[in-house]
Amino acid sequence: MTTAERIGQIAITGGHGFLGWHTMVRLLAEHNTDPIRLGRADFRDAGTLRAALGKADTIIHLAGVNRAGSREAVEQGNVQIAQTLAEAIGLRGQPVHLVYGNSIQSEQDNPYGRGKAKGAEVLAKASRSVAGTMADVALPNLFGEHGRPNYNSFVATFCHVLATGGQPEIHTDSVIPLLHAQDAADALINAAKRTENHAYRPGGSSHRVSDVLTQLVQFRDIYAIGHIPPLPDKFSVDLFNTYRSFLFPQHFPIHPTLHSDERGHLSEAFRTHGGTGMAFVSTTKPGKMRGDHYHLSKIERFFVASGEAEIALRRIGHDGIVRFRLSGDRPGFVDMPTMWVHNVTNVGQQNLVMVFWADQLLDLENSDQYPERVEREEARP
């Protein structure tokens, strides 16, 4: 790795927001880097922000205002945030590589676009003043797991409404360029590794709003009974994973119909409507645990066929643990949400028999599997 492509200490403004969280997860997964995550309280003034930045040699600037009480507040809010960061960079007085999470709307004459464009000018000047470098990354409309409805994107709004039993409304049926938040995070991290002045515009894929809604409705109808819907391309997988994040944990566990006769029992573990996939069976001895890892995009199902299991999950960057108890006396399954670390423990007295299914064929060179403990070390007694 060349000097211009290294990963040093990174600070993320807006680090607790939607894209900030996705970027943090990807840094942990692919670079074993835990960034400094900055929130609103750190922007009280330039001195506070300077201290919060610590010794970061790269700043990924994602803090901004998407919506506010007035159009002027949106425009000026983004400019003010950039000015506070610019002042903090000046107070530090040392070179820094700045990655600006800009927007393709910066080319448009609207409050948000003007605010992002002016912010770019302010930050470029601050970067030059300390002999630093800046990457201007203009992002299209983003969607992904755990987005805020009525704030981050129409996709988040649609998913929330469908997951809570409603029917979304389309106000403007236009064609929108969409980019999954993990792909946006990848673009930002690549810009962070390239420590030179440059501009980058990662392309998304364009979709009509009504077509996105039609696909989400299909997901709702098929997944309601635990079937995996058709996932013919990457966008479909990303969209399905986004929808799934709005159903967890209340959608699980699912207990399929159990068919019984004098021979025993039979139940359906999974049904896919097209696409690749693989299944495997495991036995786990009493008291033993499997897992303690997470995935960025893989769809994975844990089906308990026999024995007693506890499935535990924790969203990356959060403390709360969700637990499910399943028994072979009533076979059922839980699907693992993306970017949630998970494990399964045999809590019974007999061997635990489980069936696992994943939508991806195992590729040891690119397994989409990252180690992490569900129970953090500091949380253990």
Protein backbone atom coordinates (compact mmCIF):
# COMPACT_ATOMS: atom_id res chain seq x y z
CA MET A 1 0.00 0.00 0.00
CA THR A 2 1.51 3.34 -1.01
CA THR A 3 1.63 6.43 1.20
CA ALA A 4 -1.25 7.90 -0.79
CA GLU A 5 -3.36 4.82 -0.11
CA ARG A 6 -2.93 4.25 3.62
CA ILE A 7 -5.59 4.28 6.35
CA GLY A 8 -4.53 6.29 9.38
CA GLN A 9 -6.60 7.75 12.22
CA ILE A 10 -9.94 8.84 10.79
CA ALA A 11 -12.54 11.14 12.27
CA ILE A 12 -16.10 11.15 10.91
CA THR A 13 -18.31 14.18 11.44
CA GLY A 14 -21.93 13.12 11.53
CA GLY A 15 -20.49 9.81 12.69
CA HIS A 16 -23.66 8.77 14.49
CA GLY A 17 -25.92 9.48 11.54
CA PHE A 18 -27.05 7.18 8.74
CA LEU A 19 -24.03 7.37 6.42
CA GLY A 20 -21.64 7.88 9.34
CA TRP A 21 -22.74 4.58 10.86
CA HIS A 22 -22.38 2.72 7.55
CA THR A 23 -18.90 4.20 7.06
CA MET A 24 -17.86 3.21 10.59
CA VAL A 25 -19.06 -0.36 10.02
CA ARG A 26 -17.13 -0.67 6.76
CA LEU A 27 -13.94 0.73 8.32
CA LEU A 28 -14.20 -1.84 11.09
CA ALA A 29 -14.99 -4.70 8.72
CA GLU A 30 -12.47 -4.11 5.96
CA HIS A 31 -9.69 -2.12 7.64
CA ASN A 32 -9.98 -3.01 11.34
CA THR A 33 -10.11 0.75 11.98
CA ASP A 34 -12.29 2.27 14.70
CA PRO A 35 -12.85 5.91 13.72
CA ILE A 36 -13.50 8.90 15.94
CA ARG A 37 -17.23 9.57 15.58
CA LEU A 38 -18.33 13.17 16.07
CA GLY A 39 -21.87 14.36 16.71
CA ARG A 40 -23.77 17.61 17.12
CA ALA A 41 -22.38 18.36 20.58
CA ASP A 42 -18.87 18.48 19.10
CA PHE A 43 -19.92 21.35 16.82
CA ARG A 44 -20.78 23.78 19.64
CA ASP A 45 -17.78 25.86 18.64
CA ALA A 46 -14.49 25.52 16.78
CA GLY A 47 -12.48 24.96 19.98
CA THR A 48 -14.67 22.06 21.08
CA LEU A 49 -14.48 20.52 17.62
CA ARG A 50 -10.71 20.94 17.47
CA ALA A 51 -10.34 18.96 20.71
CA ALA A 52 -12.79 16.29 19.54
CA LEU A 53 -10.86 15.74 16.31
CA GLY A 54 -7.90 14.54 18.36
CA LYS A 55 -4.92 13.48 16.27
CA ALA A 56 -6.93 12.42 13.23
CA ASP A 57 -4.98 12.88 10.02
CA THR A 58 -8.07 12.27 7.87
CA ILE A 59 -11.51 13.81 8.37
CA ILE A 60 -14.55 12.40 6.57
CA HIS A 61 -17.05 15.23 6.75
CA LEU A 62 -20.64 13.95 6.65
CA ALA A 63 -22.37 16.27 9.13
CA GLY A 64 -25.06 18.36 7.49
CA VAL A 65 -28.67 19.50 7.41
CA ASN A 66 -31.08 17.64 5.12
CA ARG A 67 -34.29 19.11 6.44
CA ALA A 68 -35.14 22.05 8.69
CA GLY A 69 -37.92 24.47 9.52
CA SER A 70 -37.15 26.71 6.57
CA ARG A 71 -35.32 26.66 3.25
CA GLU A 72 -32.86 29.23 4.56
CA ALA A 73 -32.10 27.06 7.60
CA VAL A 74 -31.17 24.16 5.31
CA GLU A 75 -28.82 26.28 3.21
CA GLN A 76 -27.22 28.23 6.05
CA GLY A 77 -27.06 25.20 8.31
CA ASN A 78 -24.76 23.37 5.92
CA VAL A 79 -22.61 26.45 5.44
CA GLN A 80 -22.32 27.05 9.19
CA ILE A 81 -21.31 23.45 9.86
CA ALA A 82 -18.59 23.74 7.20
CA GLN A 83 -17.39 27.04 8.66
CA THR A 84 -17.09 25.53 12.16
CA LEU A 85 -15.05 22.65 10.77
CA ALA A 86 -12.91 25.07 8.75
CA GLU A 87 -12.16 27.09 11.90
CA ALA A 88 -11.26 23.92 13.81
CA ILE A 89 -8.89 22.88 11.03
CA GLY A 90 -7.27 26.32 11.18
CA LEU A 91 -6.87 26.11 14.96
CA ARG A 92 -5.12 22.76 14.61
CA GLY A 93 -2.71 24.35 12.15
CA GLN A 94 -1.47 21.11 10.66
CA PRO A 95 -2.02 19.37 7.32
CA VAL A 96 -5.07 17.14 7.14
CA HIS A 97 -6.70 15.10 4.41
CA LEU A 98 -10.35 16.11 4.20
CA VAL A 99 -12.98 13.93 2.52
CA TYR A 100 -16.12 15.96 1.90
CA GLY A 101 -19.37 14.03 1.62
CA ASN A 102 -20.88 16.32 -0.97
CA SER A 103 -24.05 15.82 -3.01
CA ILE A 104 -24.88 15.79 -6.71
CA GLN A 105 -27.45 18.42 -5.73
CA SER A 106 -24.58 20.87 -5.25
CA GLU A 107 -24.91 21.46 -9.00
CA GLN A 108 -28.55 22.51 -8.59
CA ASP A 109 -30.02 25.85 -7.53
CA ASN A 110 -31.91 24.75 -4.43
CA PRO A 111 -31.26 25.46 -0.71
CA TYR A 112 -29.62 22.14 0.02
CA GLY A 113 -27.54 22.23 -3.16
CA ARG A 114 -26.37 25.80 -2.57
CA GLY A 115 -25.47 24.99 1.03
CA LYS A 116 -23.41 21.95 0.01
CA ALA A 117 -21.67 23.90 -2.78
CA LYS A 118 -20.75 26.79 -0.47
CA GLY A 119 -19.59 24.30 2.12
CA ALA A 120 -17.20 22.81 -0.43
CA GLU A 121 -15.70 26.24 -1.10
CA VAL A 122 -15.25 26.95 2.61
CA LEU A 123 -13.57 23.62 3.26
CA ALA A 124 -11.31 23.75 0.21
CA LYS A 125 -9.99 27.11 1.40
CA ALA A 126 -9.41 25.76 4.91
CA SER A 127 -7.57 22.75 3.52
CA ARG A 128 -5.26 24.93 1.46
CA SER A 129 -4.55 27.16 4.47
CA VAL A 130 -2.90 24.26 6.33
CA ALA A 131 -1.24 22.71 3.26
CA GLY A 132 -3.71 19.84 3.37
CA THR A 133 -5.59 17.95 0.67
CA MET A 134 -9.28 17.52 -0.04
CA ALA A 135 -11.39 14.95 -1.84
CA ASP A 136 -14.81 16.18 -2.98
CA VAL A 137 -17.11 13.14 -3.20
CA ALA A 138 -20.47 14.04 -4.77
CA LEU A 139 -22.98 11.38 -3.74
CA PRO A 140 -26.37 10.64 -5.31
CA ASN A 141 -29.48 9.74 -3.31
CA LEU A 142 -28.60 7.14 -0.68
CA PHE A 143 -30.55 4.25 0.80
CA GLY A 144 -29.71 1.40 3.12
CA GLU A 145 -30.26 -0.38 6.39
CA HIS A 146 -31.51 1.69 9.33
CA GLY A 147 -32.24 4.87 7.40
CA ARG A 148 -34.57 7.40 8.99
CA PRO A 149 -38.04 7.55 7.38
CA ASN A 150 -39.13 11.00 6.20
CA TYR A 151 -35.53 12.16 6.42
CA ASN A 152 -32.80 10.11 4.75
CA SER A 153 -34.64 8.89 1.64
CA PHE A 154 -37.97 7.92 0.16
CA VAL A 155 -36.78 4.29 0.32
CA ALA A 156 -36.57 4.50 4.13
CA THR A 157 -40.03 6.03 4.23
CA PHE A 158 -41.52 3.33 1.99
CA CYS A 159 -39.88 0.55 4.02
CA HIS A 160 -41.12 1.98 7.31
CA VAL A 161 -44.69 2.38 6.07
CA LEU A 162 -44.82 -1.14 4.59
CA ALA A 163 -43.22 -2.72 7.67
CA THR A 164 -45.85 -1.10 9.92
CA GLY A 165 -48.81 -2.20 7.82
CA GLY A 166 -49.40 0.95 5.78
CA GLN A 167 -49.44 1.79 2.08
CA PRO A 168 -46.88 4.38 0.93
CA GLU A 169 -47.92 7.32 -1.22
CA ILE A 170 -45.99 8.53 -4.26
CA HIS A 171 -45.89 12.32 -4.55
CA THR A 172 -43.56 12.62 -7.57
CA ASP A 173 -42.93 9.59 -9.76
CA SER A 174 -39.52 10.56 -11.10
CA VAL A 175 -36.40 8.62 -11.98
CA ILE A 176 -33.91 8.82 -9.10
CA PRO A 177 -30.22 7.80 -9.04
CA LEU A 178 -29.77 5.55 -6.00
CA LEU A 179 -26.63 4.32 -4.25
CA HIS A 180 -26.54 1.92 -1.31
CA ALA A 181 -24.95 3.42 1.80
CA GLN A 182 -22.26 0.71 1.90
CA ASP A 183 -21.20 1.62 -1.63
CA ALA A 184 -21.12 5.28 -0.60
CA ALA A 185 -19.00 4.34 2.42
CA ASP A 186 -16.64 2.42 0.14
CA ALA A 187 -16.26 5.50 -2.08
CA LEU A 188 -15.52 7.71 0.94
CA ILE A 189 -12.93 5.27 2.31
CA ASN A 190 -11.21 5.01 -1.08
CA ALA A 191 -11.11 8.81 -1.17
CA ALA A 192 -9.59 8.77 2.31
CA LYS A 193 -6.82 6.45 1.12
CA ARG A 194 -6.05 8.70 -1.84
CA THR A 195 -4.35 11.61 -0.04
CA GLU A 196 -4.38 14.17 -2.82
CA ASN A 197 -6.75 16.80 -4.13
CA HIS A 198 -9.36 15.15 -6.30
CA ALA A 199 -13.06 14.99 -7.06
CA TYR A 200 -15.09 11.83 -7.37
CA ARG A 201 -18.69 11.18 -8.31
CA PRO A 202 -19.67 7.55 -7.58
CA GLY A 203 -22.48 6.50 -9.84
CA GLY A 204 -25.64 4.92 -8.59
CA SER A 205 -28.30 3.11 -10.57
CA SER A 206 -31.38 5.01 -11.72
CA HIS A 207 -34.83 3.76 -10.75
CA ARG A 208 -38.33 5.13 -11.05
CA VAL A 209 -39.95 5.71 -7.67
CA SER A 210 -43.01 3.62 -8.56
CA ASP A 211 -40.79 0.70 -9.64
CA VAL A 212 -38.99 0.76 -6.29
CA LEU A 213 -42.32 0.69 -4.49
CA THR A 214 -43.56 -2.20 -6.63
CA GLN A 215 -40.48 -4.23 -5.73
CA LEU A 216 -40.81 -3.41 -2.03
CA VAL A 217 -44.48 -4.47 -2.05
CA GLN A 218 -43.38 -7.77 -3.61
CA PHE A 219 -40.81 -8.17 -0.82
CA ARG A 220 -43.50 -7.53 1.79
CA ASP A 221 -45.92 -10.06 0.33
CA ILE A 222 -43.39 -12.85 -0.19
CA TYR A 223 -41.32 -12.32 2.95
CA ALA A 224 -44.39 -12.11 5.20
CA ILE A 225 -44.40 -15.92 5.36
CA GLY A 226 -40.63 -16.28 5.36
CA HIS A 227 -40.01 -16.90 1.66
CA ILE A 228 -37.00 -15.24 0.02
CA PRO A 229 -38.15 -13.07 -2.92
CA PRO A 230 -36.47 -12.94 -6.34
CA LEU A 231 -33.12 -11.14 -6.05
CA PRO A 232 -31.77 -11.00 -9.60
CA ASP A 233 -29.15 -8.27 -9.11
CA LYS A 234 -27.15 -6.32 -6.55
CA PHE A 235 -29.71 -3.52 -6.30
CA SER A 236 -32.41 -6.04 -5.42
CA VAL A 237 -30.25 -7.56 -2.66
CA ASP A 238 -29.42 -4.12 -1.28
CA LEU A 239 -33.06 -3.09 -1.37
CA PHE A 240 -34.19 -6.33 0.30
CA ASN A 241 -31.59 -5.96 3.05
CA THR A 242 -32.81 -2.41 3.57
CA TYR A 243 -36.41 -3.58 3.88
CA ARG A 244 -35.40 -6.41 6.25
CA SER A 245 -33.79 -3.90 8.63
CA PHE A 246 -37.21 -2.34 9.24
CA LEU A 247 -38.70 -5.71 10.23
CA PHE A 248 -36.11 -6.72 12.82
CA PRO A 249 -36.60 -7.93 15.50
CA GLN A 250 -40.41 -7.86 15.60
CA HIS A 251 -40.83 -10.11 12.54
CA PHE A 252 -39.08 -13.08 14.23
CA PRO A 253 -39.02 -15.89 15.03
CA ILE A 254 -41.10 -17.46 12.28
CA HIS A 255 -42.55 -20.92 12.91
CA PRO A 256 -43.48 -22.67 9.66
CA THR A 257 -46.35 -25.13 9.49
CA LEU A 258 -45.41 -28.42 11.13
CA HIS A 259 -46.71 -31.52 9.33
CA SER A 260 -46.94 -34.57 11.59
CA ASP A 261 -47.86 -38.24 11.14
CA GLU A 262 -46.83 -41.61 12.58
CA ARG A 263 -43.35 -41.26 11.01
CA GLY A 264 -42.55 -37.94 12.71
CA HIS A 265 -42.53 -34.27 11.73
CA LEU A 266 -41.77 -32.25 8.61
CA SER A 267 -41.58 -28.47 8.19
CA GLU A 268 -40.31 -26.14 5.47
CA ALA A 269 -37.03 -24.43 6.36
CA PHE A 270 -36.76 -22.04 3.43
CA ARG A 271 -38.14 -21.34 0.00
CA THR A 272 -36.44 -19.03 -2.49
CA HIS A 273 -38.05 -17.47 -5.53
CA GLY A 274 -35.01 -17.67 -7.79
CA GLY A 275 -31.33 -16.86 -7.31
CA THR A 276 -28.37 -18.68 -5.80
CA GLY A 277 -28.09 -20.11 -2.33
CA MET A 278 -26.62 -22.87 -0.24
CA ALA A 279 -27.64 -24.77 2.89
CA PHE A 280 -25.71 -26.74 5.47
CA VAL A 281 -26.51 -28.63 8.67
CA SER A 282 -24.64 -28.47 11.96
CA THR A 283 -24.73 -30.18 15.35
CA THR A 284 -23.61 -28.20 18.39
CA LYS A 285 -22.84 -29.79 21.74
CA PRO A 286 -24.53 -28.54 24.95
CA GLY A 287 -23.05 -25.26 26.18
CA LYS A 288 -21.14 -24.62 22.96
CA MET A 289 -21.50 -21.53 20.77
CA ARG A 290 -21.14 -20.83 17.05
CA GLY A 291 -20.83 -17.50 15.28
CA ASP A 292 -19.66 -14.15 16.68
CA HIS A 293 -19.39 -12.51 13.29
CA TYR A 294 -21.39 -10.25 10.99
CA HIS A 295 -21.99 -9.68 7.28
CA LEU A 296 -22.20 -6.58 5.11
CA SER A 297 -24.59 -7.97 2.49
CA LYS A 298 -25.16 -11.71 3.00
CA ILE A 299 -28.69 -12.95 3.74
CA GLU A 300 -28.48 -15.76 6.28
CA ARG A 301 -31.13 -17.90 8.00
CA PHE A 302 -30.76 -19.90 11.23
CA PHE A 303 -33.31 -22.75 11.44
CA VAL A 304 -33.55 -24.78 14.64
CA ALA A 305 -34.57 -28.35 13.82
CA SER A 306 -33.84 -30.14 17.10
CA GLY A 307 -32.65 -29.13 20.55
CA GLU A 308 -32.68 -25.82 22.41
CA ALA A 309 -30.98 -22.71 21.05
CA GLU A 310 -30.44 -19.11 22.02
CA ILE A 311 -29.68 -16.75 19.13
CA ALA A 312 -28.11 -13.44 20.19
CA LEU A 313 -27.59 -10.38 17.99
CA ARG A 314 -26.17 -6.87 18.44
CA ARG A 315 -26.12 -4.04 15.93
CA ILE A 316 -22.54 -2.93 15.21
CA GLY A 317 -21.70 0.21 17.18
CA HIS A 318 -24.56 -0.33 19.64
CA ASP A 319 -24.80 -2.01 23.05
CA GLY A 320 -28.26 -3.57 23.20
CA ILE A 321 -28.49 -7.33 22.58
CA VAL A 322 -31.55 -8.99 21.05
CA ARG A 323 -32.08 -12.63 22.05
CA PHE A 324 -34.34 -15.36 20.67
CA ARG A 325 -35.03 -18.77 22.25
CA LEU A 326 -35.99 -21.49 19.78
CA SER A 327 -36.76 -25.16 20.33
CA GLY A 328 -36.93 -28.16 18.07
CA ASP A 329 -40.28 -28.90 19.75
CA ARG A 330 -41.61 -26.06 17.60
CA PRO A 331 -39.14 -25.62 14.71
CA GLY A 332 -38.58 -22.02 13.68
CA PHE A 333 -36.06 -19.64 12.18
CA VAL A 334 -34.56 -16.18 12.48
CA ASP A 335 -32.91 -14.32 9.58
CA MET A 336 -29.72 -12.46 10.45
CA PRO A 337 -29.89 -8.74 9.57
CA THR A 338 -26.87 -7.29 7.82
CA MET A 339 -24.34 -5.48 10.02
CA TRP A 340 -25.59 -7.17 13.18
CA VAL A 341 -23.06 -9.45 14.89
CA HIS A 342 -24.69 -12.75 15.84
CA ASN A 343 -24.12 -16.11 17.47
CA VAL A 344 -26.08 -19.20 18.53
CA THR A 345 -25.59 -21.21 21.73
CA ASN A 346 -26.86 -24.66 22.64
CA VAL A 347 -28.72 -24.01 25.90
CA GLY A 348 -30.21 -27.51 26.13
CA GLN A 349 -29.02 -30.86 27.41
CA GLN A 350 -28.87 -32.62 24.03
CA ASN A 351 -27.13 -31.89 20.75
CA LEU A 352 -28.52 -28.90 18.89
CA VAL A 353 -29.30 -29.59 15.23
CA MET A 354 -29.55 -26.54 12.97
CA VAL A 355 -29.97 -25.84 9.27
CA PHE A 356 -28.24 -22.73 7.93
CA TRP A 357 -29.03 -21.08 4.59
CA ALA A 358 -27.26 -18.20 2.83
CA ASP A 359 -28.02 -16.49 -0.46
CA GLN A 360 -24.33 -16.46 -1.44
CA LEU A 361 -22.25 -19.48 -2.39
CA LEU A 362 -19.27 -19.77 -0.07
CA ASP A 363 -16.21 -17.96 -1.42
CA LEU A 364 -13.24 -18.32 0.92
CA GLU A 365 -11.48 -15.40 -0.78
CA ASN A 366 -14.45 -13.08 -0.27
CA SER A 367 -16.59 -14.60 2.47
CA ASP A 368 -18.37 -11.41 3.64
CA GLN A 369 -17.78 -12.58 7.22
CA TYR A 370 -16.14 -10.34 9.84
CA PRO A 371 -15.30 -11.42 13.42
CA GLU A 372 -16.85 -9.50 16.31
CA ARG A 373 -18.26 -10.55 19.69
CA VAL A 374 -21.93 -10.17 20.43
CA GLU A 375 -21.04 -9.57 24.07
CA ARG A 376 -18.32 -6.95 24.26
CA GLU A 377 -15.42 -7.67 26.58
CA GLU A 378 -16.06 -4.55 28.69
CA ALA A 379 -19.69 -5.63 29.19
CA ARG A 380 -18.73 -8.98 30.71
CA PRO A 381 -18.71 -9.32 34.52
